[in-house]
């Protein structure tokens, strides 16, 4: 258990609690969320049938309102990241810890992948970048939430190549999970979005329907071939991306994320 005199933790902002709630909501079923809180030391919270992440969000806010409540939230984070909860599923554990660390790094905190425990890693100061004209340009584009999640902080740090690359990887994973396919890159996009694929943008009855389906497929394949695949094997210095190019590429990715959101899985 985390004690107030071992690590100084600031109260978590609502945006951080919201993101943590979504991770927990994706991780567990409704009954498992009840069991999760029980194992974390909060047996009084029983899932009431609400949308999972909204229920968790409400609980985390209530817990943090208590004296030193942020330390109790940290305890819940450690329960989420406990490696013993991911036996025979180490890749998923690594993914969860990575997502959590992206949230808590702004509080100077980090979860150990080996132990699942929180430790102080040093606070990141991005105050000089958050109000820059580049970041304002990023925010003005109203990107898909996955672009903001995976690209904004990297963009704020001036790491435009990495912002684009991480968003490309996130898009690849996004499609694979929705299509329920164990493929990657352009092969994934072809398998998922072809006329016989598992993701349908429309009923594919008219020629316009078929053109839309195939057009989005080719755009997705093109992104994977032109951006994700080459950059996975090259150094950032050999693939320079300036601010304007990064913003435009991220706009394309944002558009494609929204197209995937519209699709219906047809197994």
Protein backbone atom coordinates (compact mmCIF):
# COMPACT_ATOMS: atom_id res chain seq x y z
CA UNK A 1 0.00 0.00 0.00
CA UNK A 2 1.14 3.54 -0.80
CA UNK A 3 1.61 5.75 2.24
CA UNK A 4 1.42 9.53 2.14
CA UNK A 5 4.86 9.86 3.70
CA UNK A 6 6.63 7.69 1.09
CA UNK A 7 5.55 9.36 -2.18
CA UNK A 8 4.00 12.78 -2.57
CA UNK A 9 1.09 12.51 -5.00
CA UNK A 10 -0.92 15.45 -6.24
CA UNK A 11 -4.69 14.99 -6.67
CA UNK A 12 -5.44 13.64 -10.13
CA UNK A 13 -7.26 15.92 -12.56
CA UNK A 14 -10.66 14.81 -13.82
CA UNK A 15 -9.24 14.17 -17.27
CA UNK A 16 -6.74 11.71 -15.78
CA UNK A 17 -9.45 9.96 -13.77
CA UNK A 18 -11.57 9.72 -16.90
CA UNK A 19 -8.79 8.09 -18.91
CA UNK A 20 -8.04 5.65 -16.09
CA UNK A 21 -11.75 4.80 -15.92
CA UNK A 22 -11.83 3.97 -19.62
CA UNK A 23 -8.84 1.65 -19.27
CA UNK A 24 -10.52 -0.19 -16.38
CA UNK A 25 -13.84 -0.28 -18.23
CA UNK A 26 -12.17 -1.85 -21.27
CA UNK A 27 -10.25 -4.32 -19.11
CA UNK A 28 -13.15 -5.81 -17.14
CA UNK A 29 -16.77 -6.88 -17.49
CA UNK A 30 -19.37 -5.40 -15.15
CA UNK A 31 -19.14 -8.23 -12.60
CA UNK A 32 -15.35 -8.22 -12.88
CA UNK A 33 -15.31 -4.49 -12.04
CA UNK A 34 -17.09 -5.27 -8.77
CA UNK A 35 -14.52 -7.97 -8.04
CA UNK A 36 -11.69 -5.63 -9.06
CA UNK A 37 -12.72 -2.99 -6.51
CA UNK A 38 -13.14 -5.71 -3.87
CA UNK A 39 -9.58 -6.96 -4.42
CA UNK A 40 -8.29 -3.37 -4.43
CA UNK A 41 -9.76 -2.88 -0.94
CA UNK A 42 -13.06 -1.16 -1.83
CA UNK A 43 -15.77 -3.85 -1.48
CA UNK A 44 -18.50 -1.24 -1.04
CA UNK A 45 -18.55 -0.44 -4.77
CA UNK A 46 -20.81 -2.76 -6.74
CA UNK A 47 -21.31 -2.22 -10.46
CA UNK A 48 -24.86 -0.99 -10.88
CA UNK A 49 -25.37 -1.64 -14.59
CA UNK A 50 -24.25 1.77 -15.79
CA UNK A 51 -21.82 2.16 -18.67
CA UNK A 52 -18.72 0.56 -17.18
CA UNK A 53 -16.25 3.44 -17.54
CA UNK A 54 -18.78 5.99 -16.33
CA UNK A 55 -19.42 3.91 -13.22
CA UNK A 56 -15.67 3.63 -12.57
CA UNK A 57 -15.23 7.38 -13.22
CA UNK A 58 -17.90 8.15 -10.62
CA UNK A 59 -16.23 5.83 -8.10
CA UNK A 60 -12.75 7.29 -8.63
CA UNK A 61 -14.07 10.82 -8.13
CA UNK A 62 -15.82 9.77 -4.94
CA UNK A 63 -12.70 8.06 -3.62
CA UNK A 64 -10.46 11.02 -4.39
CA UNK A 65 -12.78 13.40 -2.54
CA UNK A 66 -11.81 11.65 0.70
CA UNK A 67 -8.81 12.96 2.71
CA UNK A 68 -5.63 11.89 0.89
CA UNK A 69 -7.91 10.29 -1.66
CA UNK A 70 -5.30 10.47 -4.40
CA UNK A 71 -3.31 7.82 -2.54
CA UNK A 72 -6.34 5.54 -2.66
CA UNK A 73 -6.62 6.15 -6.40
CA UNK A 74 -2.94 5.22 -6.68
CA UNK A 75 -3.72 2.01 -4.82
CA UNK A 76 -6.37 1.22 -7.43
CA UNK A 77 -3.85 1.91 -10.20
CA UNK A 78 -1.48 -0.60 -8.64
CA UNK A 79 -4.28 -3.18 -8.48
CA UNK A 80 -4.92 -2.61 -12.18
CA UNK A 81 -1.23 -3.03 -13.01
CA UNK A 82 -0.54 -6.02 -10.75
CA UNK A 83 1.36 -8.49 -12.99
CA UNK A 84 -0.28 -11.45 -11.22
CA UNK A 85 -3.55 -10.38 -12.84
CA UNK A 86 -2.06 -11.06 -16.28
CA UNK A 87 -0.58 -14.55 -15.97
CA UNK A 88 0.01 -15.97 -19.47
CA UNK A 89 -0.91 -12.59 -20.95
CA UNK A 90 2.26 -10.54 -20.52
CA UNK A 91 1.76 -8.51 -23.69
CA UNK A 92 -1.58 -7.21 -22.45
CA UNK A 93 -0.05 -6.35 -19.09
CA UNK A 94 2.67 -4.37 -20.82
CA UNK A 95 0.04 -2.55 -22.87
CA UNK A 96 -2.02 -1.62 -19.80
CA UNK A 97 1.03 -0.40 -17.88
CA UNK A 98 2.09 1.68 -20.88
CA UNK A 99 -1.34 3.32 -21.10
CA UNK A 100 -1.37 4.07 -17.38
CA UNK A 101 2.15 5.52 -17.46
CA UNK A 102 1.14 7.90 -20.25
CA UNK A 103 -1.47 9.33 -17.87
CA UNK A 104 0.44 9.48 -14.60
CA UNK A 105 3.77 10.70 -15.99
CA UNK A 106 2.54 14.29 -15.64
CA UNK A 107 2.35 13.73 -11.89
CA UNK A 108 5.96 12.54 -11.76
CA UNK A 109 4.81 8.94 -11.33
CA UNK A 110 5.47 5.68 -13.11
CA UNK A 111 4.34 2.08 -12.68
CA UNK A 112 7.03 -0.60 -12.65
CA UNK A 113 6.33 -3.22 -15.30
CA UNK A 114 8.01 -5.89 -13.15
CA UNK A 115 6.16 -5.23 -9.87
CA UNK A 116 3.13 -3.13 -10.78
CA UNK A 117 4.10 -0.66 -8.03
CA UNK A 118 4.11 3.12 -8.41
CA UNK A 119 7.32 5.06 -7.89
CA UNK A 120 8.39 8.68 -8.33
CA UNK A 121 10.08 9.16 -11.70
CA UNK A 122 10.40 12.94 -11.88
CA UNK A 123 7.82 15.38 -13.13
CA UNK A 124 7.64 16.35 -16.79
CA UNK A 125 7.43 20.06 -17.51
CA UNK A 126 5.62 20.73 -20.76
CA UNK A 127 4.40 24.20 -19.80
CA UNK A 128 6.59 25.89 -22.39
CA UNK A 129 5.01 23.84 -25.17
CA UNK A 130 1.35 23.65 -24.23
CA UNK A 131 0.49 27.14 -25.48
CA UNK A 132 2.72 27.18 -28.55
CA UNK A 133 1.21 28.06 -31.91
CA UNK A 134 1.94 24.52 -33.10
CA UNK A 135 -0.06 22.97 -30.27
CA UNK A 136 -2.88 25.44 -30.84
CA UNK A 137 -2.88 24.37 -34.48
CA UNK A 138 -3.05 20.72 -33.34
CA UNK A 139 -5.99 21.44 -31.02
CA UNK A 140 -7.82 23.49 -33.64
CA UNK A 141 -8.14 20.47 -35.92
CA UNK A 142 -10.57 18.66 -33.63
CA UNK A 143 -8.83 15.35 -34.15
CA UNK A 144 -10.30 11.96 -33.31
CA UNK A 145 -9.76 11.11 -29.63
CA UNK A 146 -7.19 8.42 -30.53
CA UNK A 147 -5.06 11.03 -32.32
CA UNK A 148 -5.20 13.29 -29.27
CA UNK A 149 -4.43 10.37 -26.98
CA UNK A 150 -1.39 9.07 -28.85
CA UNK A 151 -0.09 12.18 -30.60
CA UNK A 152 -0.71 15.37 -28.67
CA UNK A 153 2.03 15.20 -26.06
CA UNK A 154 4.62 14.06 -28.60
CA UNK A 155 3.54 16.90 -30.86
CA UNK A 156 3.78 19.36 -27.96
CA UNK A 157 7.36 18.20 -27.42
CA UNK A 158 8.17 18.93 -31.07
CA UNK A 159 8.54 15.22 -31.89
CA UNK A 160 6.43 15.35 -35.04
CA UNK A 161 7.83 12.15 -36.56
CA UNK A 162 7.05 10.17 -33.42
CA UNK A 163 3.57 11.71 -33.10
CA UNK A 164 2.70 10.53 -36.60
CA UNK A 165 4.32 7.14 -36.15
CA UNK A 166 2.56 6.40 -32.84
CA UNK A 167 -0.80 7.40 -34.32
CA UNK A 168 -0.18 5.10 -37.28
CA UNK A 169 0.55 2.22 -34.92
CA UNK A 170 -2.55 3.06 -32.90
CA UNK A 171 -4.67 3.04 -36.07
CA UNK A 172 -3.27 -0.35 -37.08
CA UNK A 173 -4.20 -1.79 -33.68
CA UNK A 174 -7.61 -0.08 -33.74
CA UNK A 175 -8.55 -1.74 -37.03
CA UNK A 176 -7.13 -5.14 -36.01
CA UNK A 177 -9.17 -5.19 -32.81
CA UNK A 178 -12.43 -4.16 -34.46
CA UNK A 179 -11.93 -6.53 -37.40
CA UNK A 180 -10.83 -9.34 -35.04
CA UNK A 181 -7.89 -10.14 -37.28
CA UNK A 182 -4.33 -11.12 -36.40
CA UNK A 183 -2.78 -9.10 -39.23
CA UNK A 184 -0.93 -5.82 -39.54
CA UNK A 185 -0.21 -3.05 -42.02
CA UNK A 186 -1.60 -3.03 -45.54
CA UNK A 187 -2.44 -6.76 -45.34
CA UNK A 188 -4.72 -5.99 -42.41
CA UNK A 189 -6.45 -3.12 -44.21
CA UNK A 190 -7.05 -5.25 -47.28
CA UNK A 191 -8.43 -8.18 -45.28
CA UNK A 192 -10.61 -6.00 -43.05
CA UNK A 193 -12.04 -3.57 -45.62
CA UNK A 194 -12.22 -5.47 -48.90
CA UNK A 195 -15.65 -6.32 -50.29
CA UNK A 196 -15.40 -9.67 -48.49
CA UNK A 197 -13.81 -8.20 -45.36
CA UNK A 198 -15.24 -8.15 -41.86
CA UNK A 199 -15.73 -4.37 -41.56
CA UNK A 200 -18.59 -2.89 -43.59
CA UNK A 201 -19.03 0.84 -44.14
CA UNK A 202 -22.38 0.34 -45.84
CA UNK A 203 -24.68 -2.31 -47.34
CA UNK A 204 -22.54 -2.57 -50.49
CA UNK A 205 -25.65 -2.67 -52.66
CA UNK A 206 -25.04 0.19 -55.08
CA UNK A 207 -21.96 1.08 -57.07
CA UNK A 208 -21.55 4.15 -54.85
CA UNK A 209 -21.52 1.89 -51.79
CA UNK A 210 -18.87 -0.35 -53.29
CA UNK A 211 -16.76 2.60 -54.39
CA UNK A 212 -16.85 4.05 -50.86
CA UNK A 213 -15.85 0.72 -49.32
CA UNK A 214 -12.95 0.16 -51.71
CA UNK A 215 -11.86 3.80 -51.57
CA UNK A 216 -11.48 3.76 -47.79
CA UNK A 217 -9.69 0.42 -48.02
CA UNK A 218 -7.14 1.83 -50.48
CA UNK A 219 -6.63 4.97 -48.35
CA UNK A 220 -5.93 2.80 -45.31
CA UNK A 221 -3.57 0.57 -47.26
CA UNK A 222 -1.80 3.64 -48.62
CA UNK A 223 -1.25 5.08 -45.15
CA UNK A 224 0.23 1.81 -43.96
CA UNK A 225 2.53 1.49 -46.97
CA UNK A 226 3.62 5.13 -47.19
CA UNK A 227 3.93 5.99 -43.50
CA UNK A 228 3.81 3.16 -40.99
CA UNK A 229 5.78 0.44 -42.76
CA UNK A 230 8.78 2.51 -43.96
CA UNK A 231 9.05 4.40 -40.68
CA UNK A 232 9.14 1.19 -38.72
CA UNK A 233 12.56 0.51 -40.25
CA UNK A 234 14.10 3.96 -40.54
CA UNK A 235 15.57 6.48 -38.12
CA UNK A 236 13.56 9.60 -37.37
CA UNK A 237 16.35 11.79 -38.74
CA UNK A 238 16.04 10.05 -42.10
CA UNK A 239 12.31 10.74 -42.29
CA UNK A 240 11.97 14.44 -41.45
CA UNK A 241 8.38 15.64 -40.99
CA UNK A 242 7.70 19.32 -40.48
CA UNK A 243 4.76 20.80 -38.61
CA UNK A 244 2.51 21.25 -41.65
CA UNK A 245 3.08 17.75 -42.96
CA UNK A 246 2.50 16.25 -39.52
CA UNK A 247 -0.77 18.14 -39.08
CA UNK A 248 -1.98 17.04 -42.52
CA UNK A 249 -1.03 13.39 -42.02
CA UNK A 250 -2.73 13.37 -38.63
CA UNK A 251 -5.84 14.88 -40.24
CA UNK A 252 -5.93 12.00 -42.70
CA UNK A 253 -5.51 9.48 -39.90
CA UNK A 254 -8.23 11.21 -37.89
CA UNK A 255 -10.59 10.94 -40.86
CA UNK A 256 -9.79 7.23 -41.22
CA UNK A 257 -10.33 6.59 -37.49
CA UNK A 258 -13.82 8.08 -37.87
CA UNK A 259 -14.52 5.93 -40.90
CA UNK A 260 -13.59 2.82 -38.92
CA UNK A 261 -15.89 3.99 -36.11
CA UNK A 262 -18.75 3.95 -38.65
CA UNK A 263 -18.10 0.38 -39.76
CA UNK A 264 -20.10 -2.62 -38.63
CA UNK A 265 -18.38 -5.90 -37.89
CA UNK A 266 -19.60 -8.67 -40.15
CA UNK A 267 -17.90 -11.88 -39.10
